[in-house]
C-alpha cells in the first residue's frame, strides 16, 4: 500500500522533470520508524518512476544506509539492505554524482568479499562490484590507491573453494572496471596481473585485457618494471612485452622497452624449456622492434652480440635468430652495427683459415657477407677483409663470389 501511495505521489510530481525536489522522499527514507523493507520499497518506487537528477537523493540515502548498516539483525533485513545498496550504487553511477565517492568506497569496503561471513548473511561480492563500478563512473580517483591495493591483494590470493573464488572474482571485476574508468596509470600493473592470472577466461580476456589500453597509451615504464622483476616468470615477461607491442606507445618508447627485454632475456636462468622458449621469443621480437624503431641506447650492441653468440655457438644454431640479428644490424647501419658485422666476419674468417668449417659456418658466412654489403659502409677494415677473402685460396669460388658481390655493393669495382 505504501509503495502504491509513493508511486502516485511521484506521478503527480512530474516524472520527466530534471532535478526533482526529492526532499520529501529523503525525509521518508531517513525516518526513524522506517524499516529496511520500507526503505527498499521507497528506493524501488523512485527507481521505477524513471526520474532524473537523483544524484543528491541517492547520496543522502546511501549515507543514511551506511549509518543504519550496523542495525541489521535478521536475514530478511540483510537481504533488504543488499537490494537497497545495489539500487543506490547503480543509481549514483548512472547519475555520475562525484560527491558520493567517499560513501561508495565505504560501501565497497564493508561489503568486501575478503571479510568474514556475518551472522546475518554472507558477502557474495555483488555489492562490492556495484560500488566499485559506480566509484569509477563518478571518477573517484582519490580512492584509486585503495582499489589498487585491494586488487593487488586479490591477485596474491589462492582461493580454496569455488564459491569463494566466484565471490572474489566479482570484486576483481569491480576493481578492474573502476580503474579502467578512472584511467589511473598506477592501475595498469594490477590489471595486467589479472589478465595473466588464474581467473576465469571471461575476466582475464574480456574484462582485464580490454581494460589495459584504456588505462595507459604508453605503458613502457610499467612493462619494463614487470619484465625486469625477478619474481615475474618468463611467461609473464613475454606477455608483458606483447602488451607493449600492442599499445599506442611511440616507436621510440617501444624500442626503449625492447632494449630492456633484450637484456633481461639473458638474466633469467632457467632449465625449464618452456621458459627458455618464452625468453627466446621475447628476445627475437625485441630485436625486430629495434630494427624497426632504431637503437635507443648503446647497451643494445653488446646484447645483440651476446644474442648472436648464443644463437651461433651451439650444436643446433638458431638461424632464425641469427637472421633477425643480421637484418637489424644492416638496417641500423651505424658505426657500431658495422663494427659488430665486421667482428662476426673476422671470427668466421678465423674458422675458415683453421679449417673449422662446415655447413653451419658457410650458412652464416653467406648471411653476414650479404648484411655487410647491404650497409653501404665505407669502413676500410671491412673492405680489406672482404678483398682478402675474395682472393684467398682458403675459400671456395662460390664463397669468393659472395665477398666480391659485397664489395660491389659497397662501391668497390676492382
Protein backbone atom coordinates (compact mmCIF):
# COMPACT_ATOMS: atom_id res chain seq x y z
CA UNK A 1 0.00 0.00 0.00
CA UNK A 2 2.76 2.43 0.98
CA UNK A 3 4.58 1.77 -2.28
CA UNK A 4 1.41 2.46 -4.28
CA UNK A 5 0.91 5.78 -2.49
CA UNK A 6 4.51 6.77 -3.19
CA UNK A 7 4.13 5.87 -6.84
CA UNK A 8 1.05 8.07 -7.17
CA UNK A 9 2.85 10.97 -5.48
CA UNK A 10 5.80 10.59 -7.84
CA UNK A 11 3.50 10.52 -10.82
CA UNK A 12 1.85 13.77 -9.83
CA UNK A 13 5.26 15.32 -9.13
CA UNK A 14 6.07 15.21 -12.84
CA UNK A 15 8.39 12.35 -13.75
CA UNK A 16 10.05 13.93 -16.78
CA UNK A 17 11.36 16.97 -14.95
CA UNK A 18 15.06 17.12 -14.17
CA UNK A 19 16.33 17.72 -10.62
CA UNK A 20 13.09 16.80 -8.87
CA UNK A 21 12.51 18.14 -5.37
CA UNK A 22 13.23 14.91 -3.55
CA UNK A 23 13.22 16.36 -0.03
CA UNK A 24 10.01 14.53 0.89
CA UNK A 25 11.43 11.17 -0.17
CA UNK A 26 14.73 11.89 1.56
CA UNK A 27 12.83 12.56 4.80
CA UNK A 28 10.79 9.39 4.32
CA UNK A 29 13.96 7.35 3.77
CA UNK A 30 15.60 8.81 6.86
CA UNK A 31 12.51 8.48 9.05
CA UNK A 32 13.39 6.88 12.37
CA UNK A 33 10.45 4.49 12.17
CA UNK A 34 11.25 3.29 8.61
CA UNK A 35 12.27 -0.35 8.38
CA UNK A 36 14.79 -1.81 5.93
CA UNK A 37 11.86 -3.18 3.94
CA UNK A 38 10.16 0.21 3.77
CA UNK A 39 13.36 1.91 2.66
CA UNK A 40 13.79 -0.66 -0.05
CA UNK A 41 10.20 -0.13 -1.21
CA UNK A 42 10.77 3.61 -1.44
CA UNK A 43 14.00 3.12 -3.45
CA UNK A 44 12.33 0.70 -5.84
CA UNK A 45 9.50 3.16 -6.39
CA UNK A 46 11.84 6.07 -7.07
CA UNK A 47 13.98 3.95 -9.38
CA UNK A 48 10.98 2.64 -11.34
CA UNK A 49 9.50 6.11 -11.74
CA UNK A 50 12.16 6.97 -14.34
CA UNK A 51 13.15 10.28 -12.75
CA UNK A 52 16.44 12.05 -13.45
CA UNK A 53 18.61 14.34 -11.38
CA UNK A 54 18.51 11.96 -8.42
CA UNK A 55 22.22 12.12 -7.52
CA UNK A 56 21.75 14.10 -4.33
CA UNK A 57 18.82 11.95 -3.18
CA UNK A 58 20.74 8.72 -3.74
CA UNK A 59 23.78 10.19 -2.00
CA UNK A 60 21.83 11.19 1.09
CA UNK A 61 20.10 7.82 1.09
CA UNK A 62 23.41 5.93 0.85
CA UNK A 63 24.91 7.90 3.72
CA UNK A 64 21.88 7.07 5.84
CA UNK A 65 22.08 3.44 4.73
CA UNK A 66 25.69 3.24 5.93
CA UNK A 67 24.67 4.81 9.22
CA UNK A 68 21.97 2.17 9.70
CA UNK A 69 24.01 -0.79 8.46
CA UNK A 70 25.07 -1.90 11.97
CA UNK A 71 21.37 -2.17 12.92
CA UNK A 72 20.76 -5.16 10.66
CA UNK A 73 19.53 -8.03 12.81
CA UNK A 74 17.73 -10.59 10.67
CA UNK A 75 18.30 -12.42 7.40
CA UNK A 76 15.36 -10.59 5.86
CA UNK A 77 16.84 -7.24 6.85
CA UNK A 78 20.16 -8.34 5.39
CA UNK A 79 18.50 -9.15 2.07
CA UNK A 80 16.53 -5.88 2.00
CA UNK A 81 19.71 -3.97 2.81
CA UNK A 82 21.62 -5.66 0.00
CA UNK A 83 18.91 -4.84 -2.53
CA UNK A 84 18.86 -1.24 -1.32
CA UNK A 85 22.63 -0.93 -1.60
CA UNK A 86 22.62 -2.16 -5.18
CA UNK A 87 19.93 0.35 -6.19
CA UNK A 88 21.85 3.18 -4.56
CA UNK A 89 25.22 2.25 -6.07
CA UNK A 90 23.80 1.77 -9.55
CA UNK A 91 21.82 5.00 -9.28
CA UNK A 92 24.82 7.04 -8.22
CA UNK A 93 26.90 5.54 -11.01
CA UNK A 94 24.29 6.41 -13.60
CA UNK A 95 23.99 9.94 -12.22
CA UNK A 96 27.81 10.26 -12.09
CA UNK A 97 27.40 12.01 -8.78
CA UNK A 98 31.02 12.81 -7.86
CA UNK A 99 30.33 13.87 -4.28
CA UNK A 100 29.24 10.32 -3.47
CA UNK A 101 32.74 8.85 -3.97
CA UNK A 102 33.57 8.53 -0.21
CA UNK A 103 30.24 6.81 0.53
CA UNK A 104 30.69 4.46 -2.42
CA UNK A 105 34.15 3.46 -1.23
CA UNK A 106 32.81 2.88 2.28
CA UNK A 107 30.12 0.66 0.78
CA UNK A 108 32.68 -1.32 -1.21
CA UNK A 109 34.76 -1.69 1.93
CA UNK A 110 32.01 -3.00 4.22
CA UNK A 111 30.89 -5.42 1.52
CA UNK A 112 34.46 -6.51 0.76
CA UNK A 113 34.36 -10.22 -0.07
CA UNK A 114 37.54 -10.65 1.94
CA UNK A 115 35.64 -10.03 5.14
CA UNK A 116 34.43 -12.99 7.22
CA UNK A 117 30.82 -14.12 6.94
CA UNK A 118 28.29 -12.26 9.01
CA UNK A 119 25.75 -14.00 11.23
CA UNK A 120 23.12 -12.01 9.32
CA UNK A 121 24.21 -13.25 5.91
CA UNK A 122 27.19 -13.75 3.60
CA UNK A 123 29.04 -11.27 1.41
CA UNK A 124 28.91 -12.52 -2.16
CA UNK A 125 30.79 -9.74 -3.96
CA UNK A 126 27.88 -8.29 -5.93
CA UNK A 127 27.56 -5.09 -3.90
CA UNK A 128 31.31 -4.64 -3.76
CA UNK A 129 31.33 -4.91 -7.55
CA UNK A 130 28.46 -2.44 -7.97
CA UNK A 131 30.01 0.07 -5.56
CA UNK A 132 33.41 -0.08 -7.28
CA UNK A 133 31.94 0.27 -10.77
CA UNK A 134 29.94 3.27 -9.55
CA UNK A 135 33.08 4.70 -7.97
CA UNK A 136 34.74 4.56 -11.37
CA UNK A 137 31.74 6.18 -13.02
CA UNK A 138 31.79 9.09 -10.57
CA UNK A 139 35.55 9.46 -11.21
CA UNK A 140 36.53 8.81 -7.61
CA UNK A 141 40.26 9.00 -8.31
CA UNK A 142 41.07 9.83 -4.69
CA UNK A 143 40.21 6.22 -3.90
CA UNK A 144 42.25 4.71 -6.71
CA UNK A 145 45.15 3.77 -4.36
CA UNK A 146 42.71 1.82 -2.18
CA UNK A 147 41.31 -0.01 -5.21
CA UNK A 148 44.80 -0.80 -6.47
CA UNK A 149 45.80 -2.15 -3.08
CA UNK A 150 42.68 -4.32 -2.92
CA UNK A 151 43.14 -5.66 -6.43
CA UNK A 152 46.78 -6.48 -5.70
CA UNK A 153 45.64 -8.49 -2.69
CA UNK A 154 43.14 -10.38 -4.83
CA UNK A 155 45.96 -11.17 -7.27
CA UNK A 156 48.10 -12.64 -4.48
CA UNK A 157 45.33 -14.81 -3.04
CA UNK A 158 44.73 -18.51 -3.58
CA UNK A 159 41.08 -19.48 -3.50
CA UNK A 160 40.36 -22.74 -1.71
CA UNK A 161 36.83 -23.38 -2.97
CA UNK A 162 34.67 -22.47 -5.94
CA UNK A 163 32.21 -20.32 -4.02
CA UNK A 164 34.94 -18.14 -2.54
CA UNK A 165 36.55 -17.89 -5.97
CA UNK A 166 33.26 -16.83 -7.58
CA UNK A 167 32.60 -14.17 -4.95
CA UNK A 168 36.17 -12.85 -5.12
CA UNK A 169 36.06 -12.59 -8.89
CA UNK A 170 33.08 -10.27 -8.62
CA UNK A 171 35.24 -7.98 -6.52
CA UNK A 172 38.03 -8.27 -9.07
CA UNK A 173 35.67 -7.22 -11.86
CA UNK A 174 34.62 -4.17 -9.85
CA UNK A 175 38.24 -3.16 -9.24
CA UNK A 176 39.20 -3.55 -12.90
CA UNK A 177 36.22 -1.63 -14.23
CA UNK A 178 36.77 1.18 -11.71
CA UNK A 179 40.44 1.55 -12.65
CA UNK A 180 39.56 1.43 -16.33
CA UNK A 181 37.00 4.22 -15.92
CA UNK A 182 39.43 6.34 -13.90
CA UNK A 183 42.34 5.80 -16.28
CA UNK A 184 44.84 5.83 -13.41
CA UNK A 185 48.29 4.79 -14.77
CA UNK A 186 49.08 3.14 -11.42
CA UNK A 187 46.23 0.73 -12.09
CA UNK A 188 47.89 -0.77 -15.16
CA UNK A 189 50.12 -3.20 -13.28
CA UNK A 190 47.46 -4.90 -11.10
CA UNK A 191 45.03 -5.07 -14.03
CA UNK A 192 47.78 -6.68 -16.14
CA UNK A 193 48.24 -9.31 -13.45
CA UNK A 194 44.52 -10.03 -13.59
CA UNK A 195 44.97 -10.65 -17.32
CA UNK A 196 47.84 -13.12 -16.79
CA UNK A 197 46.39 -14.58 -13.59
CA UNK A 198 44.33 -17.68 -12.85
CA UNK A 199 40.92 -16.05 -13.05
CA UNK A 200 38.15 -17.26 -15.35
CA UNK A 201 38.83 -16.57 -19.06
CA UNK A 202 35.92 -14.13 -19.30
CA UNK A 203 37.53 -11.97 -16.62
CA UNK A 204 41.07 -12.24 -17.94
CA UNK A 205 40.45 -12.00 -21.67
CA UNK A 206 37.29 -9.92 -21.92
CA UNK A 207 37.50 -7.56 -18.97
CA UNK A 208 41.13 -7.11 -17.88
CA UNK A 209 42.68 -7.45 -21.35
CA UNK A 210 40.29 -4.92 -22.86
CA UNK A 211 40.79 -2.50 -19.96
CA UNK A 212 44.57 -2.17 -20.38
CA UNK A 213 44.58 0.18 -23.41
CA UNK A 214 42.10 2.47 -21.64
CA UNK A 215 44.40 2.87 -18.64
CA UNK A 216 47.64 3.75 -20.44
CA UNK A 217 48.51 4.63 -24.03
CA UNK A 218 52.21 4.15 -23.34
CA UNK A 219 52.82 1.54 -20.62
CA UNK A 220 56.57 1.41 -21.32
CA UNK A 221 57.75 2.14 -17.79
CA UNK A 222 55.33 -0.31 -16.17
CA UNK A 223 56.07 -3.02 -18.74
CA UNK A 224 59.82 -2.56 -18.23
CA UNK A 225 59.39 -2.97 -14.49
CA UNK A 226 57.39 -6.17 -14.98
CA UNK A 227 59.98 -7.56 -17.41
CA UNK A 228 62.89 -6.76 -15.08
CA UNK A 229 61.11 -8.01 -11.93
CA UNK A 230 62.79 -11.31 -10.94
CA UNK A 231 59.51 -12.56 -9.48
CA UNK A 232 57.89 -12.44 -12.92
CA UNK A 233 58.46 -15.73 -14.69
CA UNK A 234 59.30 -15.72 -18.44
CA UNK A 235 55.70 -16.39 -19.45
CA UNK A 236 54.65 -13.19 -17.70
CA UNK A 237 57.61 -11.26 -19.10
CA UNK A 238 56.68 -12.33 -22.62
CA UNK A 239 53.02 -11.41 -22.15
CA UNK A 240 54.06 -8.01 -20.79
CA UNK A 241 56.25 -7.45 -23.84
CA UNK A 242 53.39 -8.42 -26.17
CA UNK A 243 51.17 -5.85 -24.44
CA UNK A 244 53.80 -3.19 -25.09
CA UNK A 245 53.82 -4.07 -28.78
CA UNK A 246 50.02 -3.78 -28.98
CA UNK A 247 49.94 -0.45 -27.15
CA UNK A 248 49.71 3.01 -28.69
CA UNK A 249 53.22 3.85 -27.48
CA UNK A 250 55.61 5.61 -29.84
CA UNK A 251 58.27 3.70 -31.73
CA UNK A 252 61.00 5.20 -29.57
CA UNK A 253 59.24 4.05 -26.40
CA UNK A 254 58.82 0.55 -27.81
CA UNK A 255 62.50 0.48 -28.76
CA UNK A 256 63.47 1.55 -25.25
CA UNK A 257 61.38 -1.24 -23.75
CA UNK A 258 62.81 -3.65 -26.34
CA UNK A 259 66.27 -2.86 -25.01
CA UNK A 260 65.08 -3.90 -21.54
CA UNK A 261 63.50 -7.09 -22.92
CA UNK A 262 66.66 -7.97 -24.83
CA UNK A 263 68.89 -7.52 -21.78
CA UNK A 264 66.52 -9.37 -19.45
CA UNK A 265 66.34 -12.38 -21.77
CA UNK A 266 69.89 -13.24 -20.67
CA UNK A 267 69.43 -12.53 -16.97
CA UNK A 268 66.76 -15.09 -16.07
CA UNK A 269 68.41 -18.51 -15.70
CA UNK A 270 66.12 -21.50 -16.02
CA UNK A 271 66.22 -25.14 -17.08
CA UNK A 272 62.51 -25.05 -17.88
CA UNK A 273 62.29 -25.49 -21.66
CA UNK A 274 59.01 -23.63 -21.95
CA UNK A 275 60.51 -20.68 -20.09
CA UNK A 276 63.61 -20.85 -22.28
CA UNK A 277 61.38 -20.62 -25.35
CA UNK A 278 59.50 -17.68 -23.80
CA UNK A 279 62.78 -15.80 -23.29
CA UNK A 280 64.00 -16.58 -26.79
CA UNK A 281 60.70 -15.43 -28.33
CA UNK A 282 60.88 -12.20 -26.34
CA UNK A 283 64.48 -11.65 -27.45
CA UNK A 284 63.72 -12.23 -31.14
CA UNK A 285 60.74 -9.89 -31.02
CA UNK A 286 62.79 -7.24 -29.20
CA UNK A 287 65.46 -7.40 -31.90
CA UNK A 288 62.79 -6.96 -34.58
CA UNK A 289 61.44 -3.93 -32.72
CA UNK A 290 64.89 -2.35 -32.52
CA UNK A 291 65.32 -2.95 -36.25
CA UNK A 292 62.02 -1.20 -36.93
CA UNK A 293 62.38 1.70 -34.48
CA UNK A 294 66.10 2.27 -34.00
CA UNK A 295 68.66 1.86 -31.23
CA UNK A 296 67.58 3.61 -28.00
CA UNK A 297 70.98 3.36 -26.28
CA UNK A 298 74.43 1.82 -26.73
CA UNK A 299 73.69 -1.05 -24.33
CA UNK A 300 71.84 -2.68 -27.20
CA UNK A 301 75.03 -3.55 -29.10
CA UNK A 302 76.72 -5.85 -26.55
CA UNK A 303 73.38 -7.58 -26.01
CA UNK A 304 72.92 -8.10 -29.75
CA UNK A 305 76.43 -9.55 -29.87
CA UNK A 306 75.55 -11.85 -26.98
CA UNK A 307 72.39 -12.93 -28.80
CA UNK A 308 74.43 -13.74 -31.92
CA UNK A 309 76.95 -15.79 -29.97
CA UNK A 310 74.19 -17.61 -28.11
CA UNK A 311 72.39 -18.47 -31.35
CA UNK A 312 75.52 -19.42 -33.31
CA UNK A 313 77.91 -21.15 -30.92
CA UNK A 314 75.70 -24.12 -30.19
CA UNK A 315 75.18 -27.62 -31.50
CA UNK A 316 71.88 -26.50 -33.02
CA UNK A 317 72.24 -22.93 -34.30
CA UNK A 318 69.10 -20.81 -34.38
CA UNK A 319 69.30 -19.47 -37.92
CA UNK A 320 66.06 -17.53 -37.50
CA UNK A 321 67.51 -15.53 -34.61
CA UNK A 322 70.82 -15.06 -36.42
CA UNK A 323 68.96 -13.70 -39.44
CA UNK A 324 66.95 -11.30 -37.27
CA UNK A 325 70.18 -10.02 -35.73
CA UNK A 326 71.86 -9.52 -39.11
CA UNK A 327 68.73 -7.85 -40.53
CA UNK A 328 68.71 -5.46 -37.59
CA UNK A 329 72.38 -4.55 -37.94
CA UNK A 330 72.22 -3.98 -41.71
CA UNK A 331 69.12 -1.80 -41.23
CA UNK A 332 70.64 0.24 -38.39
CA UNK A 333 73.87 0.85 -40.38
CA UNK A 334 75.52 2.70 -37.51
CA UNK A 335 79.25 2.57 -36.92
CA UNK A 336 78.65 0.20 -34.01
CA UNK A 337 76.40 -2.02 -36.12
CA UNK A 338 79.02 -2.28 -38.88
CA UNK A 339 81.64 -2.97 -36.21
CA UNK A 340 79.66 -5.99 -34.98
CA UNK A 341 79.22 -7.34 -38.51
CA UNK A 342 82.95 -6.97 -39.08
CA UNK A 343 83.62 -8.79 -35.82
CA UNK A 344 81.35 -11.66 -36.88
CA UNK A 345 83.10 -11.90 -40.24
CA UNK A 346 86.55 -11.84 -38.62
CA UNK A 347 85.56 -14.74 -36.37
CA UNK A 348 84.27 -16.71 -39.35
CA UNK A 349 87.46 -15.88 -41.30
CA UNK A 350 89.48 -17.33 -38.43
CA UNK A 351 87.45 -20.53 -38.60
CA UNK A 352 87.98 -20.79 -42.36
CA UNK A 353 91.73 -20.40 -42.04
CA UNK A 354 91.89 -23.05 -39.31
CA UNK A 355 89.69 -25.43 -41.34
CA UNK A 356 86.95 -25.28 -38.64
CA UNK A 357 84.42 -25.00 -41.40
CA UNK A 358 81.22 -26.82 -42.14
CA UNK A 359 77.69 -26.27 -43.41
CA UNK A 360 76.84 -24.17 -40.36
CA UNK A 361 79.77 -21.79 -40.84
CA UNK A 362 79.17 -21.45 -44.56
CA UNK A 363 75.48 -20.73 -43.98
CA UNK A 364 76.22 -17.94 -41.51
CA UNK A 365 79.13 -16.63 -43.62
CA UNK A 366 76.81 -16.05 -46.57
CA UNK A 367 74.33 -14.14 -44.41
CA UNK A 368 76.99 -11.98 -42.72
CA UNK A 369 78.69 -11.05 -46.00
CA UNK A 370 75.34 -10.07 -47.56
CA UNK A 371 74.44 -7.96 -44.49
CA UNK A 372 77.75 -6.12 -44.67
CA UNK A 373 77.22 -5.31 -48.36
CA UNK A 374 73.72 -4.01 -47.58
CA UNK A 375 75.03 -1.46 -45.04
CA UNK A 376 76.87 0.54 -47.71
CA UNK A 377 79.73 1.05 -45.25
CA UNK A 378 82.95 2.71 -46.33
CA UNK A 379 84.91 1.24 -43.41
CA UNK A 380 88.42 0.46 -44.69
CA UNK A 381 88.79 -2.59 -42.45
CA UNK A 382 85.63 -4.12 -43.89
CA UNK A 383 86.89 -3.54 -47.44
CA UNK A 384 90.31 -5.03 -46.71
CA UNK A 385 88.87 -8.19 -45.16
CA UNK A 386 86.40 -8.73 -47.99
CA UNK A 387 89.18 -8.15 -50.53
CA UNK A 388 91.33 -10.70 -48.72
CA UNK A 389 88.51 -13.24 -48.78
CA UNK A 390 87.82 -12.59 -52.46
CA UNK A 391 91.37 -13.55 -53.36
CA UNK A 392 92.05 -16.24 -50.73
CA UNK A 393 92.51 -19.86 -51.77
CA UNK A 394 91.13 -20.88 -48.39
CA UNK A 395 87.67 -20.14 -49.76
CA UNK A 396 85.68 -21.84 -52.49
CA UNK A 397 84.91 -19.97 -55.68
CA UNK A 398 81.30 -19.57 -54.54
CA UNK A 399 82.41 -18.02 -51.25
CA UNK A 400 84.84 -15.74 -53.08
CA UNK A 401 81.96 -14.54 -55.28
CA UNK A 402 79.95 -13.73 -52.15
CA UNK A 403 82.76 -11.44 -50.99
CA UNK A 404 83.08 -9.92 -54.47
CA UNK A 405 79.35 -9.19 -54.61
CA UNK A 406 79.54 -7.48 -51.21
CA UNK A 407 82.43 -5.34 -52.39
CA UNK A 408 80.44 -4.35 -55.48
CA UNK A 409 77.55 -3.36 -53.24
CA UNK A 410 79.98 -1.19 -51.28
CA UNK A 411 81.16 0.54 -54.46
CA UNK A 412 84.45 -1.35 -54.89
CA UNK A 413 84.74 -2.17 -58.59
CA UNK A 414 88.10 -3.95 -58.63
